[in-house]
mmCIF file of all heavy atoms, coordinates in Angstrom:
data_MODEL
# 
_entry.id   MODEL 
# 
loop_
_atom_site.group_PDB 
_atom_site.id 
_atom_site.type_symbol 
_atom_site.label_atom_id 
_atom_site.label_alt_id 
_atom_site.label_comp_id 
_atom_site.label_asym_id 
_atom_site.label_entity_id 
_atom_site.label_seq_id 
_atom_site.pdbx_PDB_ins_code 
_atom_site.Cartn_x 
_atom_site.Cartn_y 
_atom_site.Cartn_z 
_atom_site.occupancy 
_atom_site.B_iso_or_equiv 
_atom_site.pdbx_formal_charge 
_atom_site.auth_seq_id 
_atom_site.auth_comp_id 
_atom_site.auth_asym_id 
_atom_site.auth_atom_id 
_atom_site.pdbx_PDB_model_num 
ATOM 1   N N   . ALA A 1 1  ? 145.192 90.878  55.786 1.00 0.00 ? 1  ALA A N   1 
ATOM 2   C CA  . ALA A 1 1  ? 146.165 91.419  56.748 1.00 0.00 ? 1  ALA A CA  1 
ATOM 3   C C   . ALA A 1 1  ? 147.581 90.978  56.412 1.00 0.00 ? 1  ALA A C   1 
ATOM 4   O O   . ALA A 1 1  ? 148.507 91.792  56.424 1.00 0.00 ? 1  ALA A O   1 
ATOM 5   C CB  . ALA A 1 1  ? 145.800 90.979  58.159 1.00 0.00 ? 1  ALA A CB  1 
ATOM 6   N N   . LEU A 1 2  ? 147.759 89.701  56.112 1.00 0.00 ? 2  LEU A N   1 
ATOM 7   C CA  . LEU A 1 2  ? 149.096 89.214  55.770 1.00 0.00 ? 2  LEU A CA  1 
ATOM 8   C C   . LEU A 1 2  ? 149.618 89.895  54.516 1.00 0.00 ? 2  LEU A C   1 
ATOM 9   O O   . LEU A 1 2  ? 150.802 90.229  54.430 1.00 0.00 ? 2  LEU A O   1 
ATOM 10  C CB  . LEU A 1 2  ? 149.090 87.692  55.616 1.00 0.00 ? 2  LEU A CB  1 
ATOM 11  C CG  . LEU A 1 2  ? 148.917 86.913  56.916 1.00 0.00 ? 2  LEU A CG  1 
ATOM 12  C CD1 . LEU A 1 2  ? 148.653 85.439  56.624 1.00 0.00 ? 2  LEU A CD1 1 
ATOM 13  C CD2 . LEU A 1 2  ? 150.126 87.085  57.819 1.00 0.00 ? 2  LEU A CD2 1 
ATOM 14  N N   . GLY A 1 3  ? 148.745 90.136  53.551 1.00 0.00 ? 3  GLY A N   1 
ATOM 15  C CA  . GLY A 1 3  ? 149.142 90.856  52.345 1.00 0.00 ? 3  GLY A CA  1 
ATOM 16  C C   . GLY A 1 3  ? 149.581 92.274  52.645 1.00 0.00 ? 3  GLY A C   1 
ATOM 17  O O   . GLY A 1 3  ? 150.594 92.757  52.129 1.00 0.00 ? 3  GLY A O   1 
ATOM 18  N N   . MET A 1 4  ? 148.818 92.956  53.506 1.00 0.00 ? 4  MET A N   1 
ATOM 19  C CA  . MET A 1 4  ? 149.171 94.332  53.888 1.00 0.00 ? 4  MET A CA  1 
ATOM 20  C C   . MET A 1 4  ? 150.505 94.365  54.626 1.00 0.00 ? 4  MET A C   1 
ATOM 21  O O   . MET A 1 4  ? 151.346 95.218  54.354 1.00 0.00 ? 4  MET A O   1 
ATOM 22  C CB  . MET A 1 4  ? 148.067 94.921  54.775 1.00 0.00 ? 4  MET A CB  1 
ATOM 23  C CG  . MET A 1 4  ? 146.759 95.167  54.049 1.00 0.00 ? 4  MET A CG  1 
ATOM 24  S SD  . MET A 1 4  ? 145.363 95.497  55.148 1.00 0.00 ? 4  MET A SD  1 
ATOM 25  C CE  . MET A 1 4  ? 145.887 97.000  55.949 1.00 0.00 ? 4  MET A CE  1 
ATOM 26  N N   . LEU A 1 5  ? 150.697 93.437  55.542 1.00 0.00 ? 5  LEU A N   1 
ATOM 27  C CA  . LEU A 1 5  ? 151.943 93.386  56.306 1.00 0.00 ? 5  LEU A CA  1 
ATOM 28  C C   . LEU A 1 5  ? 153.130 93.036  55.413 1.00 0.00 ? 5  LEU A C   1 
ATOM 29  O O   . LEU A 1 5  ? 154.238 93.521  55.628 1.00 0.00 ? 5  LEU A O   1 
ATOM 30  C CB  . LEU A 1 5  ? 151.824 92.382  57.446 1.00 0.00 ? 5  LEU A CB  1 
ATOM 31  C CG  . LEU A 1 5  ? 150.869 92.789  58.570 1.00 0.00 ? 5  LEU A CG  1 
ATOM 32  C CD1 . LEU A 1 5  ? 150.518 91.590  59.435 1.00 0.00 ? 5  LEU A CD1 1 
ATOM 33  C CD2 . LEU A 1 5  ? 151.460 93.908  59.392 1.00 0.00 ? 5  LEU A CD2 1 
ATOM 34  N N   . GLY A 1 6  ? 152.900 92.206  54.413 1.00 0.00 ? 6  GLY A N   1 
ATOM 35  C CA  . GLY A 1 6  ? 153.965 91.841  53.483 1.00 0.00 ? 6  GLY A CA  1 
ATOM 36  C C   . GLY A 1 6  ? 154.390 92.996  52.602 1.00 0.00 ? 6  GLY A C   1 
ATOM 37  O O   . GLY A 1 6  ? 155.563 93.108  52.230 1.00 0.00 ? 6  GLY A O   1 
ATOM 38  N N   . MET A 1 7  ? 153.447 93.875  52.279 1.00 0.00 ? 7  MET A N   1 
ATOM 39  C CA  . MET A 1 7  ? 153.753 95.016  51.411 1.00 0.00 ? 7  MET A CA  1 
ATOM 40  C C   . MET A 1 7  ? 154.353 96.187  52.178 1.00 0.00 ? 7  MET A C   1 
ATOM 41  O O   . MET A 1 7  ? 155.038 97.026  51.594 1.00 0.00 ? 7  MET A O   1 
ATOM 42  C CB  . MET A 1 7  ? 152.486 95.460  50.679 1.00 0.00 ? 7  MET A CB  1 
ATOM 43  C CG  . MET A 1 7  ? 152.001 94.442  49.665 1.00 0.00 ? 7  MET A CG  1 
ATOM 44  S SD  . MET A 1 7  ? 150.448 94.906  48.881 1.00 0.00 ? 7  MET A SD  1 
ATOM 45  C CE  . MET A 1 7  ? 150.873 96.460  48.138 1.00 0.00 ? 7  MET A CE  1 
ATOM 46  N N   . ASP A 1 8  ? 154.079 96.270  53.476 1.00 0.00 ? 8  ASP A N   1 
ATOM 47  C CA  . ASP A 1 8  ? 154.558 97.404  54.270 1.00 0.00 ? 8  ASP A CA  1 
ATOM 48  C C   . ASP A 1 8  ? 155.021 96.901  55.635 1.00 0.00 ? 8  ASP A C   1 
ATOM 49  O O   . ASP A 1 8  ? 154.218 96.712  56.537 1.00 0.00 ? 8  ASP A O   1 
ATOM 50  C CB  . ASP A 1 8  ? 153.442 98.435  54.444 1.00 0.00 ? 8  ASP A CB  1 
ATOM 51  C CG  . ASP A 1 8  ? 153.885 99.662  55.232 1.00 0.00 ? 8  ASP A CG  1 
ATOM 52  O OD1 . ASP A 1 8  ? 155.067 99.731  55.650 1.00 0.00 ? 8  ASP A OD1 1 
ATOM 53  O OD2 . ASP A 1 8  ? 153.049 100.552 55.439 1.00 0.00 ? 8  ASP A OD2 1 
ATOM 54  N N   . PRO A 1 9  ? 156.316 96.688  55.802 1.00 0.00 ? 9  PRO A N   1 
ATOM 55  C CA  . PRO A 1 9  ? 156.823 96.139  57.057 1.00 0.00 ? 9  PRO A CA  1 
ATOM 56  C C   . PRO A 1 9  ? 156.937 97.157  58.201 1.00 0.00 ? 9  PRO A C   1 
ATOM 57  O O   . PRO A 1 9  ? 157.486 96.845  59.247 1.00 0.00 ? 9  PRO A O   1 
ATOM 58  C CB  . PRO A 1 9  ? 158.208 95.618  56.668 1.00 0.00 ? 9  PRO A CB  1 
ATOM 59  C CG  . PRO A 1 9  ? 158.622 96.508  55.550 1.00 0.00 ? 9  PRO A CG  1 
ATOM 60  C CD  . PRO A 1 9  ? 157.352 96.849  54.805 1.00 0.00 ? 9  PRO A CD  1 
ATOM 61  N N   . SER A 1 10 ? 156.387 98.360  58.030 1.00 0.00 ? 10 SER A N   1 
ATOM 62  C CA  . SER A 1 10 ? 156.571 99.393  59.043 1.00 0.00 ? 10 SER A CA  1 
ATOM 63  C C   . SER A 1 10 ? 155.474 99.408  60.117 1.00 0.00 ? 10 SER A C   1 
ATOM 64  O O   . SER A 1 10 ? 155.451 100.315 60.948 1.00 0.00 ? 10 SER A O   1 
ATOM 65  C CB  . SER A 1 10 ? 156.641 100.769 58.377 1.00 0.00 ? 10 SER A CB  1 
ATOM 66  O OG  . SER A 1 10 ? 155.383 101.116 57.824 1.00 0.00 ? 10 SER A OG  1 
ATOM 67  N N   . TYR A 1 11 ? 154.585 98.447  60.130 1.00 0.00 ? 11 TYR A N   1 
ATOM 68  C CA  . TYR A 1 11 ? 153.531 98.423  61.155 1.00 0.00 ? 11 TYR A CA  1 
ATOM 69  C C   . TYR A 1 11 ? 154.159 98.257  62.535 1.00 0.00 ? 11 TYR A C   1 
ATOM 70  O O   . TYR A 1 11 ? 155.150 97.563  62.708 1.00 0.00 ? 11 TYR A O   1 
ATOM 71  C CB  . TYR A 1 11 ? 152.540 97.290  60.892 1.00 0.00 ? 11 TYR A CB  1 
ATOM 72  C CG  . TYR A 1 11 ? 151.631 97.577  59.723 1.00 0.00 ? 11 TYR A CG  1 
ATOM 73  C CD1 . TYR A 1 11 ? 151.921 97.087  58.458 1.00 0.00 ? 11 TYR A CD1 1 
ATOM 74  C CD2 . TYR A 1 11 ? 150.488 98.344  59.891 1.00 0.00 ? 11 TYR A CD2 1 
ATOM 75  C CE1 . TYR A 1 11 ? 151.101 97.357  57.380 1.00 0.00 ? 11 TYR A CE1 1 
ATOM 76  C CE2 . TYR A 1 11 ? 149.653 98.622  58.812 1.00 0.00 ? 11 TYR A CE2 1 
ATOM 77  C CZ  . TYR A 1 11 ? 149.963 98.126  57.558 1.00 0.00 ? 11 TYR A CZ  1 
ATOM 78  O OH  . TYR A 1 11 ? 149.146 98.403  56.508 1.00 0.00 ? 11 TYR A OH  1 
ATOM 79  N N   . SER A 1 12 ? 153.532 98.891  63.542 1.00 0.00 ? 12 SER A N   1 
ATOM 80  C CA  . SER A 1 12 ? 154.038 98.852  64.911 1.00 0.00 ? 12 SER A CA  1 
ATOM 81  C C   . SER A 1 12 ? 153.296 97.869  65.795 1.00 0.00 ? 12 SER A C   1 
ATOM 82  O O   . SER A 1 12 ? 153.796 97.482  66.847 1.00 0.00 ? 12 SER A O   1 
ATOM 83  C CB  . SER A 1 12 ? 153.920 100.237 65.550 1.00 0.00 ? 12 SER A CB  1 
ATOM 84  O OG  . SER A 1 12 ? 154.665 101.162 64.820 1.00 0.00 ? 12 SER A OG  1 
ATOM 85  N N   . LEU A 1 13 ? 152.082 97.468  65.383 1.00 0.00 ? 13 LEU A N   1 
ATOM 86  C CA  . LEU A 1 13 ? 151.246 96.603  66.203 1.00 0.00 ? 13 LEU A CA  1 
ATOM 87  C C   . LEU A 1 13 ? 150.177 95.969  65.340 1.00 0.00 ? 13 LEU A C   1 
ATOM 88  O O   . LEU A 1 13 ? 149.638 96.618  64.445 1.00 0.00 ? 13 LEU A O   1 
ATOM 89  C CB  . LEU A 1 13 ? 150.570 97.435  67.317 1.00 0.00 ? 13 LEU A CB  1 
ATOM 90  C CG  . LEU A 1 13 ? 149.513 96.760  68.173 1.00 0.00 ? 13 LEU A CG  1 
ATOM 91  C CD1 . LEU A 1 13 ? 150.117 95.674  69.054 1.00 0.00 ? 13 LEU A CD1 1 
ATOM 92  C CD2 . LEU A 1 13 ? 148.782 97.795  69.028 1.00 0.00 ? 13 LEU A CD2 1 
ATOM 93  N N   . VAL A 1 14 ? 149.843 94.717  65.643 1.00 0.00 ? 14 VAL A N   1 
ATOM 94  C CA  . VAL A 1 14 ? 148.704 94.039  65.026 1.00 0.00 ? 14 VAL A CA  1 
ATOM 95  C C   . VAL A 1 14 ? 147.723 93.711  66.141 1.00 0.00 ? 14 VAL A C   1 
ATOM 96  O O   . VAL A 1 14 ? 148.104 93.128  67.154 1.00 0.00 ? 14 VAL A O   1 
ATOM 97  C CB  . VAL A 1 14 ? 149.134 92.738  64.309 1.00 0.00 ? 14 VAL A CB  1 
ATOM 98  C CG1 . VAL A 1 14 ? 147.918 91.943  63.844 1.00 0.00 ? 14 VAL A CG1 1 
ATOM 99  C CG2 . VAL A 1 14 ? 150.046 93.050  63.138 1.00 0.00 ? 14 VAL A CG2 1 
ATOM 100 N N   . ILE A 1 15 ? 146.466 94.123  65.946 1.00 0.00 ? 15 ILE A N   1 
ATOM 101 C CA  . ILE A 1 15 ? 145.389 93.741  66.850 1.00 0.00 ? 15 ILE A CA  1 
ATOM 102 C C   . ILE A 1 15 ? 144.585 92.694  66.106 1.00 0.00 ? 15 ILE A C   1 
ATOM 103 O O   . ILE A 1 15 ? 144.057 92.966  65.027 1.00 0.00 ? 15 ILE A O   1 
ATOM 104 C CB  . ILE A 1 15 ? 144.526 94.954  67.242 1.00 0.00 ? 15 ILE A CB  1 
ATOM 105 C CG1 . ILE A 1 15 ? 145.406 96.002  67.932 1.00 0.00 ? 15 ILE A CG1 1 
ATOM 106 C CG2 . ILE A 1 15 ? 143.369 94.507  68.139 1.00 0.00 ? 15 ILE A CG2 1 
ATOM 107 C CD1 . ILE A 1 15 ? 144.718 97.319  68.182 1.00 0.00 ? 15 ILE A CD1 1 
ATOM 108 N N   . LEU A 1 16 ? 144.525 91.514  66.664 1.00 0.00 ? 16 LEU A N   1 
ATOM 109 C CA  . LEU A 1 16 ? 144.097 90.336  65.917 1.00 0.00 ? 16 LEU A CA  1 
ATOM 110 C C   . LEU A 1 16 ? 142.907 89.641  66.566 1.00 0.00 ? 16 LEU A C   1 
ATOM 111 O O   . LEU A 1 16 ? 142.965 89.249  67.733 1.00 0.00 ? 16 LEU A O   1 
ATOM 112 C CB  . LEU A 1 16 ? 145.297 89.377  65.848 1.00 0.00 ? 16 LEU A CB  1 
ATOM 113 C CG  . LEU A 1 16 ? 145.188 88.083  65.104 1.00 0.00 ? 16 LEU A CG  1 
ATOM 114 C CD1 . LEU A 1 16 ? 144.853 88.326  63.647 1.00 0.00 ? 16 LEU A CD1 1 
ATOM 115 C CD2 . LEU A 1 16 ? 146.512 87.327  65.214 1.00 0.00 ? 16 LEU A CD2 1 
ATOM 116 N N   . ASP A 1 17 ? 141.829 89.497  65.813 1.00 0.00 ? 17 ASP A N   1 
ATOM 117 C CA  . ASP A 1 17 ? 140.678 88.702  66.224 1.00 0.00 ? 17 ASP A CA  1 
ATOM 118 C C   . ASP A 1 17 ? 140.971 87.248  65.856 1.00 0.00 ? 17 ASP A C   1 
ATOM 119 O O   . ASP A 1 17 ? 141.647 86.983  64.856 1.00 0.00 ? 17 ASP A O   1 
ATOM 120 C CB  . ASP A 1 17 ? 139.436 89.200  65.491 1.00 0.00 ? 17 ASP A CB  1 
ATOM 121 C CG  . ASP A 1 17 ? 138.153 88.498  65.898 1.00 0.00 ? 17 ASP A CG  1 
ATOM 122 O OD1 . ASP A 1 17 ? 138.136 87.815  66.944 1.00 0.00 ? 17 ASP A OD1 1 
ATOM 123 O OD2 . ASP A 1 17 ? 137.148 88.635  65.173 1.00 0.00 ? 17 ASP A OD2 1 
ATOM 124 N N   . LEU A 1 18 ? 140.486 86.310  66.631 1.00 0.00 ? 18 LEU A N   1 
ATOM 125 C CA  . LEU A 1 18 ? 140.724 84.896  66.332 1.00 0.00 ? 18 LEU A CA  1 
ATOM 126 C C   . LEU A 1 18 ? 139.778 84.355  65.270 1.00 0.00 ? 18 LEU A C   1 
ATOM 127 O O   . LEU A 1 18 ? 140.161 83.510  64.474 1.00 0.00 ? 18 LEU A O   1 
ATOM 128 C CB  . LEU A 1 18 ? 140.609 84.056  67.605 1.00 0.00 ? 18 LEU A CB  1 
ATOM 129 C CG  . LEU A 1 18 ? 141.668 84.329  68.658 1.00 0.00 ? 18 LEU A CG  1 
ATOM 130 C CD1 . LEU A 1 18 ? 141.409 83.465  69.883 1.00 0.00 ? 18 LEU A CD1 1 
ATOM 131 C CD2 . LEU A 1 18 ? 143.059 84.093  68.111 1.00 0.00 ? 18 LEU A CD2 1 
ATOM 132 N N   . ALA A 1 19 ? 138.544 84.840  65.256 1.00 0.00 ? 19 ALA A N   1 
ATOM 133 C CA  . ALA A 1 19 ? 137.528 84.314  64.341 1.00 0.00 ? 19 ALA A CA  1 
ATOM 134 C C   . ALA A 1 19 ? 137.517 85.124  63.050 1.00 0.00 ? 19 ALA A C   1 
ATOM 135 O O   . ALA A 1 19 ? 136.695 86.007  62.861 1.00 0.00 ? 19 ALA A O   1 
ATOM 136 C CB  . ALA A 1 19 ? 136.158 84.351  65.014 1.00 0.00 ? 19 ALA A CB  1 
ATOM 137 N N   . LEU A 1 20 ? 138.456 84.831  62.173 1.00 0.00 ? 20 LEU A N   1 
ATOM 138 C CA  . LEU A 1 20 ? 138.546 85.511  60.888 1.00 0.00 ? 20 LEU A CA  1 
ATOM 139 C C   . LEU A 1 20 ? 138.173 84.541  59.781 1.00 0.00 ? 20 LEU A C   1 
ATOM 140 O O   . LEU A 1 20 ? 138.439 83.346  59.885 1.00 0.00 ? 20 LEU A O   1 
ATOM 141 C CB  . LEU A 1 20 ? 139.977 86.010  60.653 1.00 0.00 ? 20 LEU A CB  1 
ATOM 142 C CG  . LEU A 1 20 ? 140.492 87.093  61.577 1.00 0.00 ? 20 LEU A CG  1 
ATOM 143 C CD1 . LEU A 1 20 ? 141.981 87.322  61.331 1.00 0.00 ? 20 LEU A CD1 1 
ATOM 144 C CD2 . LEU A 1 20 ? 139.720 88.381  61.354 1.00 0.00 ? 20 LEU A CD2 1 
ATOM 145 N N   . PRO A 1 21 ? 137.589 85.048  58.690 1.00 0.00 ? 21 PRO A N   1 
ATOM 146 C CA  . PRO A 1 21 ? 137.346 84.169  57.542 1.00 0.00 ? 21 PRO A CA  1 
ATOM 147 C C   . PRO A 1 21 ? 138.673 83.795  56.879 1.00 0.00 ? 21 PRO A C   1 
ATOM 148 O O   . PRO A 1 21 ? 139.635 84.556  56.928 1.00 0.00 ? 21 PRO A O   1 
ATOM 149 C CB  . PRO A 1 21 ? 136.487 85.036  56.617 1.00 0.00 ? 21 PRO A CB  1 
ATOM 150 C CG  . PRO A 1 21 ? 136.726 86.447  57.033 1.00 0.00 ? 21 PRO A CG  1 
ATOM 151 C CD  . PRO A 1 21 ? 137.114 86.402  58.485 1.00 0.00 ? 21 PRO A CD  1 
ATOM 152 N N   . GLY A 1 22 ? 138.734 82.624  56.315 1.00 0.00 ? 22 GLY A N   1 
ATOM 153 C CA  . GLY A 1 22 ? 139.971 82.160  55.686 1.00 0.00 ? 22 GLY A CA  1 
ATOM 154 C C   . GLY A 1 22 ? 140.973 81.736  56.734 1.00 0.00 ? 22 GLY A C   1 
ATOM 155 O O   . GLY A 1 22 ? 140.689 80.906  57.583 1.00 0.00 ? 22 GLY A O   1 
ATOM 156 N N   . ILE A 1 23 ? 142.135 82.363  56.724 1.00 0.00 ? 23 ILE A N   1 
ATOM 157 C CA  . ILE A 1 23 ? 143.167 82.056  57.717 1.00 0.00 ? 23 ILE A CA  1 
ATOM 158 C C   . ILE A 1 23 ? 142.698 82.599  59.065 1.00 0.00 ? 23 ILE A C   1 
ATOM 159 O O   . ILE A 1 23 ? 142.407 83.776  59.200 1.00 0.00 ? 23 ILE A O   1 
ATOM 160 C CB  . ILE A 1 23 ? 144.516 82.690  57.341 1.00 0.00 ? 23 ILE A CB  1 
ATOM 161 C CG1 . ILE A 1 23 ? 145.001 82.176  55.985 1.00 0.00 ? 23 ILE A CG1 1 
ATOM 162 C CG2 . ILE A 1 23 ? 145.568 82.405  58.404 1.00 0.00 ? 23 ILE A CG2 1 
ATOM 163 C CD1 . ILE A 1 23 ? 146.231 82.884  55.458 1.00 0.00 ? 23 ILE A CD1 1 
ATOM 164 N N   . SER A 1 24 ? 142.637 81.738  60.063 1.00 0.00 ? 24 SER A N   1 
ATOM 165 C CA  . SER A 1 24 ? 142.186 82.160  61.394 1.00 0.00 ? 24 SER A CA  1 
ATOM 166 C C   . SER A 1 24 ? 143.203 83.089  62.032 1.00 0.00 ? 24 SER A C   1 
ATOM 167 O O   . SER A 1 24 ? 144.352 83.183  61.599 1.00 0.00 ? 24 SER A O   1 
ATOM 168 C CB  . SER A 1 24 ? 141.998 80.933  62.284 1.00 0.00 ? 24 SER A CB  1 
ATOM 169 O OG  . SER A 1 24 ? 143.266 80.358  62.577 1.00 0.00 ? 24 SER A OG  1 
ATOM 170 N N   . GLY A 1 25 ? 142.782 83.743  63.100 1.00 0.00 ? 25 GLY A N   1 
ATOM 171 C CA  . GLY A 1 25 ? 143.694 84.613  63.829 1.00 0.00 ? 25 GLY A CA  1 
ATOM 172 C C   . GLY A 1 25 ? 144.901 83.867  64.365 1.00 0.00 ? 25 GLY A C   1 
ATOM 173 O O   . GLY A 1 25 ? 146.028 84.365  64.313 1.00 0.00 ? 25 GLY A O   1 
ATOM 174 N N   . SER A 1 26 ? 144.693 82.650  64.869 1.00 0.00 ? 26 SER A N   1 
ATOM 175 C CA  . SER A 1 26 ? 145.838 81.871  65.354 1.00 0.00 ? 26 SER A CA  1 
ATOM 176 C C   . SER A 1 26 ? 146.745 81.472  64.199 1.00 0.00 ? 26 SER A C   1 
ATOM 177 O O   . SER A 1 26 ? 147.968 81.405  64.366 1.00 0.00 ? 26 SER A O   1 
ATOM 178 C CB  . SER A 1 26 ? 145.378 80.652  66.159 1.00 0.00 ? 26 SER A CB  1 
ATOM 179 O OG  . SER A 1 26 ? 144.548 79.822  65.384 1.00 0.00 ? 26 SER A OG  1 
ATOM 180 N N   . GLY A 1 27 ? 146.187 81.254  63.018 1.00 0.00 ? 27 GLY A N   1 
ATOM 181 C CA  . GLY A 1 27 ? 147.001 80.976  61.840 1.00 0.00 ? 27 GLY A CA  1 
ATOM 182 C C   . GLY A 1 27 ? 147.825 82.180  61.419 1.00 0.00 ? 27 GLY A C   1 
ATOM 183 O O   . GLY A 1 27 ? 148.987 82.052  61.032 1.00 0.00 ? 27 GLY A O   1 
ATOM 184 N N   . VAL A 1 28 ? 147.216 83.365  61.498 1.00 0.00 ? 28 VAL A N   1 
ATOM 185 C CA  . VAL A 1 28 ? 147.950 84.601  61.192 1.00 0.00 ? 28 VAL A CA  1 
ATOM 186 C C   . VAL A 1 28 ? 149.093 84.768  62.184 1.00 0.00 ? 28 VAL A C   1 
ATOM 187 O O   . VAL A 1 28 ? 150.224 85.073  61.793 1.00 0.00 ? 28 VAL A O   1 
ATOM 188 C CB  . VAL A 1 28 ? 147.010 85.826  61.213 1.00 0.00 ? 28 VAL A CB  1 
ATOM 189 C CG1 . VAL A 1 28 ? 147.802 87.124  61.127 1.00 0.00 ? 28 VAL A CG1 1 
ATOM 190 C CG2 . VAL A 1 28 ? 145.991 85.741  60.091 1.00 0.00 ? 28 VAL A CG2 1 
# 
């Protein structure tokens, strides 16, 4: 997700789960 957001800053909203592999949702 962070990679996608870094490549395209035009997103209008992020819907974020907390229990993600790697970087947690709170970390994101």
